[in-house]
């Protein structure tokens, strides 16, 4: 075997990188005063926005959508739509937009 066959490929190295994954299922607006009043047991009402699809956000980009499910007492997301590579790239933040 050659040295190229024994060393991991660049893609194999990328598979070990950890990325932040966030589930976005609703949003609301609150005043600073309302935020300061939150404590353990507080309930935040998301209204109608929580009825839509759950967005799976990886590293700040929506990569999939689905629905919230319960599996053996744990929350999960059943994926129903995966964003195309093109739409994920188009939604990528640019250095100018991050300023």
Protein backbone atom coordinates (compact mmCIF):
# COMPACT_ATOMS: atom_id res chain seq x y z
CA UNK A 1 0.00 0.00 0.00
CA UNK A 2 1.12 3.52 -0.69
CA UNK A 3 1.25 6.24 1.95
CA UNK A 4 -1.76 7.92 0.31
CA UNK A 5 -3.88 4.82 0.94
CA UNK A 6 -2.96 4.58 4.63
CA UNK A 7 -3.51 8.21 5.65
CA UNK A 8 -7.01 9.49 6.30
CA UNK A 9 -8.56 11.57 3.56
CA UNK A 10 -9.43 15.21 4.11
CA UNK A 11 -13.11 14.23 4.06
CA UNK A 12 -12.55 11.64 6.81
CA UNK A 13 -10.98 14.35 8.97
CA UNK A 14 -13.98 16.63 8.42
CA UNK A 15 -16.40 13.94 9.62
CA UNK A 16 -14.97 14.29 13.15
CA UNK A 17 -15.65 18.04 13.42
CA UNK A 18 -18.40 18.91 15.88
CA UNK A 19 -20.91 21.59 14.86
CA UNK A 20 -23.62 23.28 16.91
CA UNK A 21 -27.11 21.95 16.11
CA UNK A 22 -30.16 23.99 17.12
CA UNK A 23 -33.85 23.19 16.75
CA UNK A 24 -35.98 26.24 16.05
CA UNK A 25 -39.69 25.69 16.56
CA UNK A 26 -41.08 29.10 17.30
CA UNK A 27 -40.25 32.69 18.06
CA UNK A 28 -41.73 35.59 19.93
CA UNK A 29 -40.84 39.11 20.99
CA UNK A 30 -40.45 40.10 24.61
CA UNK A 31 -39.53 43.30 26.35
CA UNK A 32 -36.43 43.43 28.50
CA UNK A 33 -38.71 43.75 31.50
CA UNK A 34 -40.53 40.52 30.55
CA UNK A 35 -37.19 38.72 30.13
CA UNK A 36 -36.03 39.90 33.53
CA UNK A 37 -39.23 38.54 35.10
CA UNK A 38 -38.54 34.98 33.85
CA UNK A 39 -37.72 32.37 36.45
CA UNK A 40 -37.81 28.63 36.87
CA UNK A 41 -41.22 27.37 35.75
CA UNK A 42 -42.00 30.43 33.60
CA UNK A 43 -43.87 29.69 30.37
CA UNK A 44 -43.15 31.60 27.17
CA UNK A 45 -46.08 31.68 24.73
CA UNK A 46 -45.01 31.24 21.11
CA UNK A 47 -48.58 31.58 19.82
CA UNK A 48 -49.24 30.33 16.30
CA UNK A 49 -45.56 30.32 15.30
CA UNK A 50 -44.97 27.08 17.24
CA UNK A 51 -47.41 25.18 15.00
CA UNK A 52 -45.18 25.36 11.94
CA UNK A 53 -42.32 23.04 11.04
CA UNK A 54 -39.30 22.59 13.28
CA UNK A 55 -36.16 23.94 11.65
CA UNK A 56 -32.88 22.08 12.12
CA UNK A 57 -30.15 24.72 12.17
CA UNK A 58 -26.50 23.65 11.90
CA UNK A 59 -23.81 26.26 12.38
CA UNK A 60 -26.35 29.05 11.86
CA UNK A 61 -27.87 27.63 8.65
CA UNK A 62 -31.22 25.88 8.19
CA UNK A 63 -30.40 22.45 6.78
CA UNK A 64 -33.69 20.62 7.32
CA UNK A 65 -37.30 20.92 8.46
CA UNK A 66 -39.53 18.44 10.21
CA UNK A 67 -42.00 17.89 13.01
CA UNK A 68 -41.48 17.47 16.74
CA UNK A 69 -42.09 13.93 18.00
CA UNK A 70 -41.83 11.99 21.26
CA UNK A 71 -39.80 8.77 21.17
CA UNK A 72 -39.78 6.70 24.37
CA UNK A 73 -40.18 9.81 26.50
CA UNK A 74 -37.55 11.83 24.61
CA UNK A 75 -38.10 14.67 22.20
CA UNK A 76 -36.98 14.27 18.62
CA UNK A 77 -37.51 15.65 15.13
CA UNK A 78 -38.88 13.62 12.24
CA UNK A 79 -37.16 15.11 9.17
CA UNK A 80 -39.55 15.79 6.30
CA UNK A 81 -37.48 18.14 4.13
CA UNK A 82 -33.75 18.60 3.62
CA UNK A 83 -32.59 21.87 2.13
CA UNK A 84 -30.72 21.64 -1.15
CA UNK A 85 -27.00 22.32 -1.14
CA UNK A 86 -27.62 25.41 -3.25
CA UNK A 87 -30.10 26.94 -0.78
CA UNK A 88 -27.78 26.16 2.13
CA UNK A 89 -24.90 27.91 0.37
CA UNK A 90 -27.08 30.87 -0.61
CA UNK A 91 -28.14 31.27 3.02
CA UNK A 92 -24.54 31.20 4.19
CA UNK A 93 -23.54 34.37 6.00
CA UNK A 94 -20.97 36.45 4.19
CA UNK A 95 -18.21 38.36 6.01
CA UNK A 96 -19.98 41.61 5.09
CA UNK A 97 -23.33 40.48 6.58
CA UNK A 98 -21.71 39.50 9.89
CA UNK A 99 -20.44 43.05 10.55
